[in-house]
Amino acid sequence: QVQLVESGGGLVQAGGSLRLSCADSGPTFSSYAMGWFRQAPGQEREFVAAITWSGDNTDYADSVKGRFTISRDNAKNTVYLQMNSLKPEDTAVYYCARDRRTYADGLATNQYRYNYWGQGTRVTVSS
């Protein structure tokens, strides 16, 4: 049974940093690409970042490029999202998700390519 558990959210001032973590309880974490998405109040869920199963390739939404970094530690079954230079518009609930495909070559920005999701962790950036 796959279970994704996010942590690390909280309240931070604009310009500050947070690191989100997502721990996967399943035995095959290292076989799957992982993604981070976010949903702001009244908004649709949107893609933030993704990383291949090996960690060799990453992709980011334009709105976070240069500020956020996705990484993974397959030995710890954990994916991270380092968020720097946070802005009030980054305020949202952040979700990690696992790609449907094993050993996928490409990265998916479409949420429907992911079939396991965490419960979300809230990030609030004050101005």
C-alpha atoms as a PDB file:
ATOM      1  CA  GLN A   1       0.000   0.000   0.000  1.00  0.00           C
ATOM      2  CA  VAL A   2       1.442   3.322  -1.076  1.00  0.00           C
ATOM      3  CA  GLN A   3       1.105   6.209   1.315  1.00  0.00           C
ATOM      4  CA  LEU A   4       2.629   9.630   0.749  1.00  0.00           C
ATOM      5  CA  VAL A   5       3.022  11.907   3.744  1.00  0.00           C
ATOM      6  CA  GLU A   6       4.079  15.531   3.331  1.00  0.00           C
ATOM      7  CA  SER A   7       5.632  17.694   6.031  1.00  0.00           C
ATOM      8  CA  GLY A   8       7.450  20.977   6.390  1.00  0.00           C
ATOM      9  CA  GLY A   9       4.744  23.487   5.625  1.00  0.00           C
ATOM     10  CA  GLY A  10       4.089  26.535   7.766  1.00  0.00           C
ATOM     11  CA  LEU A  11       3.971  30.300   7.962  1.00  0.00           C
ATOM     12  CA  VAL A  12       6.911  32.277   6.609  1.00  0.00           C
ATOM     13  CA  GLN A  13       7.546  35.888   5.682  1.00  0.00           C
ATOM     14  CA  ALA A  14       8.083  36.906   2.095  1.00  0.00           C
ATOM     15  CA  GLY A  15      11.671  36.279   1.078  1.00  0.00           C
ATOM     16  CA  GLY A  16      11.996  33.375   3.468  1.00  0.00           C
ATOM     17  CA  SER A  17      12.551  29.680   2.836  1.00  0.00           C
ATOM     18  CA  LEU A  18      10.901  26.367   3.605  1.00  0.00           C
ATOM     19  CA  ARG A  19      11.754  22.780   2.780  1.00  0.00           C
ATOM     20  CA  LEU A  20       8.928  20.373   2.169  1.00  0.00           C
ATOM     21  CA  SER A  21       9.390  16.625   2.499  1.00  0.00           C
ATOM     22  CA  CYS A  22       7.291  13.766   1.198  1.00  0.00           C
ATOM     23  CA  ALA A  23       7.881  10.282   2.540  1.00  0.00           C
ATOM     24  CA  ASP A  24       6.671   7.261   0.581  1.00  0.00           C
ATOM     25  CA  SER A  25       5.788   4.168   2.589  1.00  0.00           C
ATOM     26  CA  GLY A  26       5.790   1.862  -0.436  1.00  0.00           C
ATOM     27  CA  PRO A  27       8.642  -0.473  -1.387  1.00  0.00           C
ATOM     28  CA  THR A  28       9.138   0.788  -4.933  1.00  0.00           C
ATOM     29  CA  PHE A  29       9.669   4.516  -4.496  1.00  0.00           C
ATOM     30  CA  SER A  30      12.860   4.528  -6.529  1.00  0.00           C
ATOM     31  CA  SER A  31      11.000   3.227  -9.614  1.00  0.00           C
ATOM     32  CA  TYR A  32       8.757   6.245 -10.015  1.00  0.00           C
ATOM     33  CA  ALA A  33       9.003   9.875 -10.960  1.00  0.00           C
ATOM     34  CA  MET A  34       7.597  12.209  -8.335  1.00  0.00           C
ATOM     35  CA  GLY A  35       5.924  15.564  -8.560  1.00  0.00           C
ATOM     36  CA  TRP A  36       4.865  18.504  -6.446  1.00  0.00           C
ATOM     37  CA  PHE A  37       1.645  20.379  -7.095  1.00  0.00           C
ATOM     38  CA  ARG A  38      -0.093  23.179  -5.237  1.00  0.00           C
ATOM     39  CA  GLN A  39      -3.583  24.552  -4.855  1.00  0.00           C
ATOM     40  CA  ALA A  40      -4.290  28.064  -3.711  1.00  0.00           C
ATOM     41  CA  PRO A  41      -7.692  29.049  -2.300  1.00  0.00           C
ATOM     42  CA  GLY A  42     -10.242  29.295  -5.088  1.00  0.00           C
ATOM     43  CA  GLN A  43      -7.731  28.086  -7.658  1.00  0.00           C
ATOM     44  CA  GLU A  44      -7.201  24.860  -9.524  1.00  0.00           C
ATOM     45  CA  ARG A  45      -4.348  22.589  -8.558  1.00  0.00           C
ATOM     46  CA  GLU A  46      -1.232  23.417 -10.555  1.00  0.00           C
ATOM     47  CA  PHE A  47       2.083  21.788 -11.344  1.00  0.00           C
ATOM     48  CA  VAL A  48       5.116  23.001  -9.411  1.00  0.00           C
ATOM     49  CA  ALA A  49       8.001  20.588 -10.019  1.00  0.00           C
ATOM     50  CA  ALA A  50       8.837  17.023 -10.975  1.00  0.00           C
ATOM     51  CA  ILE A  51      11.835  14.723 -10.802  1.00  0.00           C
ATOM     52  CA  THR A  52      12.612  11.490 -12.620  1.00  0.00           C
ATOM     53  CA  TRP A  53      12.921   8.170 -10.798  1.00  0.00           C
ATOM     54  CA  SER A  54      16.714   8.433 -10.959  1.00  0.00           C
ATOM     55  CA  GLY A  55      16.862  12.082  -9.978  1.00  0.00           C
ATOM     56  CA  ASP A  56      18.773  12.927 -13.141  1.00  0.00           C
ATOM     57  CA  ASN A  57      16.162  15.230 -14.615  1.00  0.00           C
ATOM     58  CA  THR A  58      13.836  17.843 -13.194  1.00  0.00           C
ATOM     59  CA  ASP A  59      11.175  20.203 -14.471  1.00  0.00           C
ATOM     60  CA  TYR A  60       9.641  23.324 -12.961  1.00  0.00           C
ATOM     61  CA  ALA A  61       6.739  25.639 -13.483  1.00  0.00           C
ATOM     62  CA  ASP A  62       7.888  28.992 -14.833  1.00  0.00           C
ATOM     63  CA  SER A  63       6.576  30.701 -11.711  1.00  0.00           C
ATOM     64  CA  VAL A  64       9.036  28.872  -9.443  1.00  0.00           C
ATOM     65  CA  LYS A  65      12.108  28.434 -11.656  1.00  0.00           C
ATOM     66  CA  GLY A  66      15.230  29.710  -9.983  1.00  0.00           C
ATOM     67  CA  ARG A  67      13.564  29.742  -6.558  1.00  0.00           C
ATOM     68  CA  PHE A  68      12.447  26.150  -5.931  1.00  0.00           C
ATOM     69  CA  THR A  69      14.506  22.968  -6.130  1.00  0.00           C
ATOM     70  CA  ILE A  70      13.145  19.443  -6.204  1.00  0.00           C
ATOM     71  CA  SER A  71      15.352  16.559  -5.103  1.00  0.00           C
ATOM     72  CA  ARG A  72      15.018  13.002  -3.883  1.00  0.00           C
ATOM     73  CA  ASP A  73      16.781  10.498  -1.678  1.00  0.00           C
ATOM     74  CA  ASN A  74      15.854   7.019  -2.850  1.00  0.00           C
ATOM     75  CA  ALA A  75      17.541   5.451   0.152  1.00  0.00           C
ATOM     76  CA  LYS A  76      15.099   7.320   2.379  1.00  0.00           C
ATOM     77  CA  ASN A  77      12.068   7.013   0.096  1.00  0.00           C
ATOM     78  CA  THR A  78      11.700  10.768   0.273  1.00  0.00           C
ATOM     79  CA  VAL A  79      11.291  13.630  -2.173  1.00  0.00           C
ATOM     80  CA  TYR A  80      11.969  17.226  -1.184  1.00  0.00           C
ATOM     81  CA  LEU A  81      10.987  20.675  -2.341  1.00  0.00           C
ATOM     82  CA  GLN A  82      13.338  23.445  -1.263  1.00  0.00           C
ATOM     83  CA  MET A  83      11.548  26.766  -1.581  1.00  0.00           C
ATOM     84  CA  ASN A  84      13.558  29.974  -1.433  1.00  0.00           C
ATOM     85  CA  SER A  85      12.655  33.625  -1.972  1.00  0.00           C
ATOM     86  CA  LEU A  86       9.062  32.849  -1.168  1.00  0.00           C
ATOM     87  CA  LYS A  87       6.359  35.227  -2.311  1.00  0.00           C
ATOM     88  CA  PRO A  88       2.805  35.728  -1.045  1.00  0.00           C
ATOM     89  CA  GLU A  89       1.548  34.198  -4.292  1.00  0.00           C
ATOM     90  CA  ASP A  90       3.248  30.929  -3.292  1.00  0.00           C
ATOM     91  CA  THR A  91       0.643  30.537  -0.549  1.00  0.00           C
ATOM     92  CA  ALA A  92      -1.157  27.233  -1.163  1.00  0.00           C
ATOM     93  CA  VAL A  93      -1.578  23.670  -0.035  1.00  0.00           C
ATOM     94  CA  TYR A  94       1.305  21.679  -1.490  1.00  0.00           C
ATOM     95  CA  TYR A  95       0.852  18.065  -2.549  1.00  0.00           C
ATOM     96  CA  CYS A  96       3.361  15.444  -3.566  1.00  0.00           C
ATOM     97  CA  ALA A  97       2.342  12.803  -6.060  1.00  0.00           C
ATOM     98  CA  ARG A  98       3.703   9.643  -7.671  1.00  0.00           C
ATOM     99  CA  ASP A  99       3.742   9.069 -11.419  1.00  0.00           C
ATOM    100  CA  ARG A 100       1.683   6.172 -12.750  1.00  0.00           C
ATOM    101  CA  ARG A 101       4.552   4.820 -14.822  1.00  0.00           C
ATOM    102  CA  THR A 102       7.614   2.946 -13.695  1.00  0.00           C
ATOM    103  CA  TYR A 103      10.995   4.127 -14.960  1.00  0.00           C
ATOM    104  CA  ALA A 104       9.404   6.813 -17.124  1.00  0.00           C
ATOM    105  CA  ASP A 105      11.747   8.638 -19.483  1.00  0.00           C
ATOM    106  CA  GLY A 106       9.896  11.922 -19.397  1.00  0.00           C
ATOM    107  CA  LEU A 107       8.365  14.089 -16.714  1.00  0.00           C
ATOM    108  CA  ALA A 108       4.659  14.779 -16.404  1.00  0.00           C
ATOM    109  CA  THR A 109       3.208  18.183 -15.621  1.00  0.00           C
ATOM    110  CA  ASN A 110      -0.368  16.971 -15.982  1.00  0.00           C
ATOM    111  CA  GLN A 111      -1.841  15.931 -12.658  1.00  0.00           C
ATOM    112  CA  TYR A 112      -3.724  13.052 -14.275  1.00  0.00           C
ATOM    113  CA  ARG A 113      -0.427  11.311 -14.893  1.00  0.00           C
ATOM    114  CA  TYR A 114      -0.093  10.831 -11.148  1.00  0.00           C
ATOM    115  CA  ASN A 115      -2.108   8.230  -9.296  1.00  0.00           C
ATOM    116  CA  TYR A 116      -0.996   8.509  -5.681  1.00  0.00           C
ATOM    117  CA  TRP A 117      -1.233  11.734  -3.708  1.00  0.00           C
ATOM    118  CA  GLY A 118      -0.361  12.923  -0.253  1.00  0.00           C
ATOM    119  CA  GLN A 119      -2.763  14.745   2.033  1.00  0.00           C
ATOM    120  CA  GLY A 120      -1.074  18.096   1.477  1.00  0.00           C
ATOM    121  CA  THR A 121       0.846  20.534   3.630  1.00  0.00           C
ATOM    122  CA  ARG A 122      -0.109  24.182   3.920  1.00  0.00           C
ATOM    123  CA  VAL A 123       2.332  26.955   3.096  1.00  0.00           C
ATOM    124  CA  THR A 124       1.444  30.528   3.975  1.00  0.00           C
ATOM    125  CA  VAL A 125       3.688  33.402   2.929  1.00  0.00           C
ATOM    126  CA  SER A 126       2.986  36.722   4.566  1.00  0.00           C
ATOM    127  CA  SER A 127       3.869  40.042   2.957  1.00  0.00           C
END
